[in-house]
């Protein structure tokens, strides 16, 4: 019985290792890296040191205008902000400044800085003209 149990246990352990270590493939991994940021980006943002966990989307327009949607994936009811953006193709650095229009409080202005990595923008956001201090974000290109 010991002769069968040990090889069977070893095969089971090795199989479990390969199955549990198999990484889910990123569906965008086979797509070419982006060289520009114009388009629709969807992902999450977080506050403070926390991981991004709130819905967030950018509509980056070719004329340097920006629409930001937050709090829900449904853009028809999401908090909406408008602003401007810049992108340096050499360094792949993205920045934006935007204002939420649902009230006139000065803390409804935000700025971001991030980096284009393959097909994602990852970075930080802050209040007013500060591009950090508020939290982090990660959005992925959709169209």
C-alpha atoms as a PDB file:
ATOM      1  CA  UNK A   1       0.000   0.000   0.000  1.00  0.00           C
ATOM      2  CA  UNK A   2       2.885   2.395   0.838  1.00  0.00           C
ATOM      3  CA  UNK A   3       4.347   1.758  -2.626  1.00  0.00           C
ATOM      4  CA  UNK A   4       1.201   3.077  -4.305  1.00  0.00           C
ATOM      5  CA  UNK A   5       0.404   5.836  -1.822  1.00  0.00           C
ATOM      6  CA  UNK A   6       3.746   7.726  -2.068  1.00  0.00           C
ATOM      7  CA  UNK A   7       3.911   7.975  -5.919  1.00  0.00           C
ATOM      8  CA  UNK A   8       0.217   8.827  -6.073  1.00  0.00           C
ATOM      9  CA  UNK A   9       0.668  11.567  -3.422  1.00  0.00           C
ATOM     10  CA  UNK A  10       3.666  12.952  -5.297  1.00  0.00           C
ATOM     11  CA  UNK A  11       1.772  13.103  -8.600  1.00  0.00           C
ATOM     12  CA  UNK A  12      -1.185  14.762  -6.896  1.00  0.00           C
ATOM     13  CA  UNK A  13       1.048  17.362  -5.205  1.00  0.00           C
ATOM     14  CA  UNK A  14       2.868  18.223  -8.447  1.00  0.00           C
ATOM     15  CA  UNK A  15      -0.423  18.483 -10.350  1.00  0.00           C
ATOM     16  CA  UNK A  16      -1.908  20.768  -7.701  1.00  0.00           C
ATOM     17  CA  UNK A  17       1.179  23.004  -7.873  1.00  0.00           C
ATOM     18  CA  UNK A  18       0.922  23.463 -11.633  1.00  0.00           C
ATOM     19  CA  UNK A  19      -2.827  24.019 -11.551  1.00  0.00           C
ATOM     20  CA  UNK A  20      -2.744  26.491  -8.660  1.00  0.00           C
ATOM     21  CA  UNK A  21       0.227  28.440 -10.084  1.00  0.00           C
ATOM     22  CA  UNK A  22      -1.232  28.864 -13.529  1.00  0.00           C
ATOM     23  CA  UNK A  23      -1.698  32.583 -13.989  1.00  0.00           C
ATOM     24  CA  UNK A  24      -4.830  33.926 -15.633  1.00  0.00           C
ATOM     25  CA  UNK A  25      -3.853  35.366 -18.982  1.00  0.00           C
ATOM     26  CA  UNK A  26      -4.427  39.072 -19.488  1.00  0.00           C
ATOM     27  CA  UNK A  27      -6.753  39.368 -22.510  1.00  0.00           C
ATOM     28  CA  UNK A  28      -4.838  42.481 -23.672  1.00  0.00           C
ATOM     29  CA  UNK A  29      -1.415  40.817 -23.457  1.00  0.00           C
ATOM     30  CA  UNK A  30      -1.433  39.812 -27.131  1.00  0.00           C
ATOM     31  CA  UNK A  31      -2.511  43.280 -28.294  1.00  0.00           C
ATOM     32  CA  UNK A  32       0.141  45.805 -29.308  1.00  0.00           C
ATOM     33  CA  UNK A  33       1.152  48.435 -26.741  1.00  0.00           C
ATOM     34  CA  UNK A  34      -0.523  51.813 -27.109  1.00  0.00           C
ATOM     35  CA  UNK A  35       1.420  54.914 -28.112  1.00  0.00           C
ATOM     36  CA  UNK A  36      -1.350  57.435 -27.379  1.00  0.00           C
ATOM     37  CA  UNK A  37      -4.054  57.887 -24.733  1.00  0.00           C
ATOM     38  CA  UNK A  38      -7.035  59.108 -26.771  1.00  0.00           C
ATOM     39  CA  UNK A  39     -10.025  56.861 -26.130  1.00  0.00           C
ATOM     40  CA  UNK A  40     -12.159  55.364 -23.384  1.00  0.00           C
ATOM     41  CA  UNK A  41     -10.445  53.977 -20.265  1.00  0.00           C
ATOM     42  CA  UNK A  42     -12.160  52.009 -17.478  1.00  0.00           C
ATOM     43  CA  UNK A  43     -10.895  50.896 -14.094  1.00  0.00           C
ATOM     44  CA  UNK A  44     -10.758  51.804 -10.424  1.00  0.00           C
ATOM     45  CA  UNK A  45      -9.433  54.432  -8.044  1.00  0.00           C
ATOM     46  CA  UNK A  46      -8.725  54.253  -4.331  1.00  0.00           C
ATOM     47  CA  UNK A  47      -8.295  56.759  -1.549  1.00  0.00           C
ATOM     48  CA  UNK A  48      -5.286  57.081   0.725  1.00  0.00           C
ATOM     49  CA  UNK A  49      -3.083  54.016   0.842  1.00  0.00           C
ATOM     50  CA  UNK A  50      -5.931  51.647  -0.063  1.00  0.00           C
ATOM     51  CA  UNK A  51      -6.076  49.632  -3.242  1.00  0.00           C
ATOM     52  CA  UNK A  52      -8.247  51.046  -6.030  1.00  0.00           C
ATOM     53  CA  UNK A  53     -11.792  49.815  -5.349  1.00  0.00           C
ATOM     54  CA  UNK A  54     -14.173  52.449  -6.744  1.00  0.00           C
ATOM     55  CA  UNK A  55     -15.322  52.682 -10.359  1.00  0.00           C
ATOM     56  CA  UNK A  56     -13.453  55.217 -12.464  1.00  0.00           C
ATOM     57  CA  UNK A  57     -13.388  55.970 -16.188  1.00  0.00           C
ATOM     58  CA  UNK A  58     -11.713  58.505 -18.481  1.00  0.00           C
ATOM     59  CA  UNK A  59     -12.973  59.621 -21.853  1.00  0.00           C
ATOM     60  CA  UNK A  60      -9.829  61.188 -23.310  1.00  0.00           C
ATOM     61  CA  UNK A  61     -10.726  63.311 -26.317  1.00  0.00           C
ATOM     62  CA  UNK A  62      -8.305  64.238 -29.121  1.00  0.00           C
ATOM     63  CA  UNK A  63      -8.656  67.987 -28.467  1.00  0.00           C
ATOM     64  CA  UNK A  64      -7.161  67.646 -24.947  1.00  0.00           C
ATOM     65  CA  UNK A  65     -10.589  67.642 -23.305  1.00  0.00           C
ATOM     66  CA  UNK A  66     -11.354  65.013 -20.697  1.00  0.00           C
ATOM     67  CA  UNK A  67     -14.496  63.597 -19.115  1.00  0.00           C
ATOM     68  CA  UNK A  68     -14.081  61.655 -15.876  1.00  0.00           C
ATOM     69  CA  UNK A  69     -16.752  59.315 -14.497  1.00  0.00           C
ATOM     70  CA  UNK A  70     -16.607  57.978 -10.947  1.00  0.00           C
ATOM     71  CA  UNK A  71     -18.500  56.057  -8.269  1.00  0.00           C
ATOM     72  CA  UNK A  72     -20.305  53.723 -10.693  1.00  0.00           C
ATOM     73  CA  UNK A  73     -19.640  51.864 -13.919  1.00  0.00           C
ATOM     74  CA  UNK A  74     -22.861  53.287 -15.344  1.00  0.00           C
ATOM     75  CA  UNK A  75     -21.710  56.488 -17.086  1.00  0.00           C
ATOM     76  CA  UNK A  76     -25.292  57.756 -17.380  1.00  0.00           C
ATOM     77  CA  UNK A  77     -25.546  58.210 -13.588  1.00  0.00           C
ATOM     78  CA  UNK A  78     -21.885  58.438 -12.522  1.00  0.00           C
ATOM     79  CA  UNK A  79     -20.408  61.554 -10.957  1.00  0.00           C
ATOM     80  CA  UNK A  80     -19.107  63.456 -13.966  1.00  0.00           C
ATOM     81  CA  UNK A  81     -16.201  65.872 -14.221  1.00  0.00           C
ATOM     82  CA  UNK A  82     -14.658  67.725 -17.144  1.00  0.00           C
ATOM     83  CA  UNK A  83     -11.128  68.891 -17.622  1.00  0.00           C
ATOM     84  CA  UNK A  84      -7.967  68.775 -19.684  1.00  0.00           C
ATOM     85  CA  UNK A  85      -5.106  66.338 -20.165  1.00  0.00           C
ATOM     86  CA  UNK A  86      -1.535  66.125 -21.453  1.00  0.00           C
ATOM     87  CA  UNK A  87       0.529  63.172 -22.606  1.00  0.00           C
ATOM     88  CA  UNK A  88       4.247  62.982 -23.337  1.00  0.00           C
ATOM     89  CA  UNK A  89       4.802  60.241 -25.934  1.00  0.00           C
ATOM     90  CA  UNK A  90       8.527  60.010 -25.116  1.00  0.00           C
ATOM     91  CA  UNK A  91       8.152  59.379 -21.380  1.00  0.00           C
ATOM     92  CA  UNK A  92       4.613  57.925 -21.584  1.00  0.00           C
ATOM     93  CA  UNK A  93       3.531  60.252 -18.757  1.00  0.00           C
ATOM     94  CA  UNK A  94      -0.124  61.310 -18.528  1.00  0.00           C
ATOM     95  CA  UNK A  95      -1.476  64.237 -16.469  1.00  0.00           C
ATOM     96  CA  UNK A  96      -4.961  65.650 -16.075  1.00  0.00           C
ATOM     97  CA  UNK A  97      -6.899  68.336 -14.233  1.00  0.00           C
ATOM     98  CA  UNK A  98     -10.678  68.146 -13.848  1.00  0.00           C
ATOM     99  CA  UNK A  99     -13.627  69.689 -12.017  1.00  0.00           C
ATOM    100  CA  UNK A 100     -16.821  68.013 -10.808  1.00  0.00           C
ATOM    101  CA  UNK A 101     -19.804  70.208 -11.616  1.00  0.00           C
ATOM    102  CA  UNK A 102     -22.448  68.975  -9.174  1.00  0.00           C
ATOM    103  CA  UNK A 103     -21.585  71.727  -6.678  1.00  0.00           C
ATOM    104  CA  UNK A 104     -19.158  74.617  -6.313  1.00  0.00           C
ATOM    105  CA  UNK A 105     -16.935  73.352  -3.510  1.00  0.00           C
ATOM    106  CA  UNK A 106     -13.229  73.925  -4.248  1.00  0.00           C
ATOM    107  CA  UNK A 107     -12.366  70.350  -3.186  1.00  0.00           C
ATOM    108  CA  UNK A 108     -14.180  69.102  -6.287  1.00  0.00           C
ATOM    109  CA  UNK A 109     -11.116  69.767  -8.428  1.00  0.00           C
ATOM    110  CA  UNK A 110      -8.598  66.976  -8.881  1.00  0.00           C
ATOM    111  CA  UNK A 111      -5.413  66.256 -10.765  1.00  0.00           C
ATOM    112  CA  UNK A 112      -3.753  63.020 -11.801  1.00  0.00           C
ATOM    113  CA  UNK A 113      -0.362  61.854 -12.944  1.00  0.00           C
ATOM    114  CA  UNK A 114       0.233  58.451 -14.373  1.00  0.00           C
ATOM    115  CA  UNK A 115       2.147  56.330 -16.797  1.00  0.00           C
ATOM    116  CA  UNK A 116       1.036  54.399 -19.855  1.00  0.00           C
ATOM    117  CA  UNK A 117       2.145  50.808 -19.403  1.00  0.00           C
ATOM    118  CA  UNK A 118       1.187  48.623 -22.377  1.00  0.00           C
ATOM    119  CA  UNK A 119      -2.586  49.329 -22.441  1.00  0.00           C
ATOM    120  CA  UNK A 120      -3.133  50.695 -18.907  1.00  0.00           C
ATOM    121  CA  UNK A 121      -2.746  54.055 -17.206  1.00  0.00           C
ATOM    122  CA  UNK A 122      -1.581  53.708 -13.610  1.00  0.00           C
ATOM    123  CA  UNK A 123      -0.856  56.539 -11.237  1.00  0.00           C
ATOM    124  CA  UNK A 124      -1.901  58.838  -8.419  1.00  0.00           C
ATOM    125  CA  UNK A 125      -4.462  61.593  -7.921  1.00  0.00           C
ATOM    126  CA  UNK A 126      -4.760  64.546  -5.606  1.00  0.00           C
ATOM    127  CA  UNK A 127      -6.928  67.554  -4.786  1.00  0.00           C
ATOM    128  CA  UNK A 128      -6.684  70.787  -6.731  1.00  0.00           C
ATOM    129  CA  UNK A 129      -3.414  70.991  -8.660  1.00  0.00           C
ATOM    130  CA  UNK A 130      -1.720  68.328  -6.517  1.00  0.00           C
ATOM    131  CA  UNK A 131      -1.249  65.103  -8.486  1.00  0.00           C
ATOM    132  CA  UNK A 132      -0.748  62.928  -5.419  1.00  0.00           C
ATOM    133  CA  UNK A 133      -1.952  62.634  -1.858  1.00  0.00           C
ATOM    134  CA  UNK A 134      -5.505  61.545  -2.643  1.00  0.00           C
ATOM    135  CA  UNK A 135      -4.903  57.971  -3.697  1.00  0.00           C
ATOM    136  CA  UNK A 136      -4.124  55.778  -6.681  1.00  0.00           C
ATOM    137  CA  UNK A 137      -5.856  54.717  -9.888  1.00  0.00           C
ATOM    138  CA  UNK A 138      -5.561  52.170 -12.657  1.00  0.00           C
ATOM    139  CA  UNK A 139      -7.589  52.284 -15.859  1.00  0.00           C
ATOM    140  CA  UNK A 140      -7.358  50.075 -18.935  1.00  0.00           C
ATOM    141  CA  UNK A 141      -7.994  51.081 -22.536  1.00  0.00           C
ATOM    142  CA  UNK A 142     -11.367  49.851 -23.843  1.00  0.00           C
ATOM    143  CA  UNK A 143     -11.833  51.629 -27.200  1.00  0.00           C
END
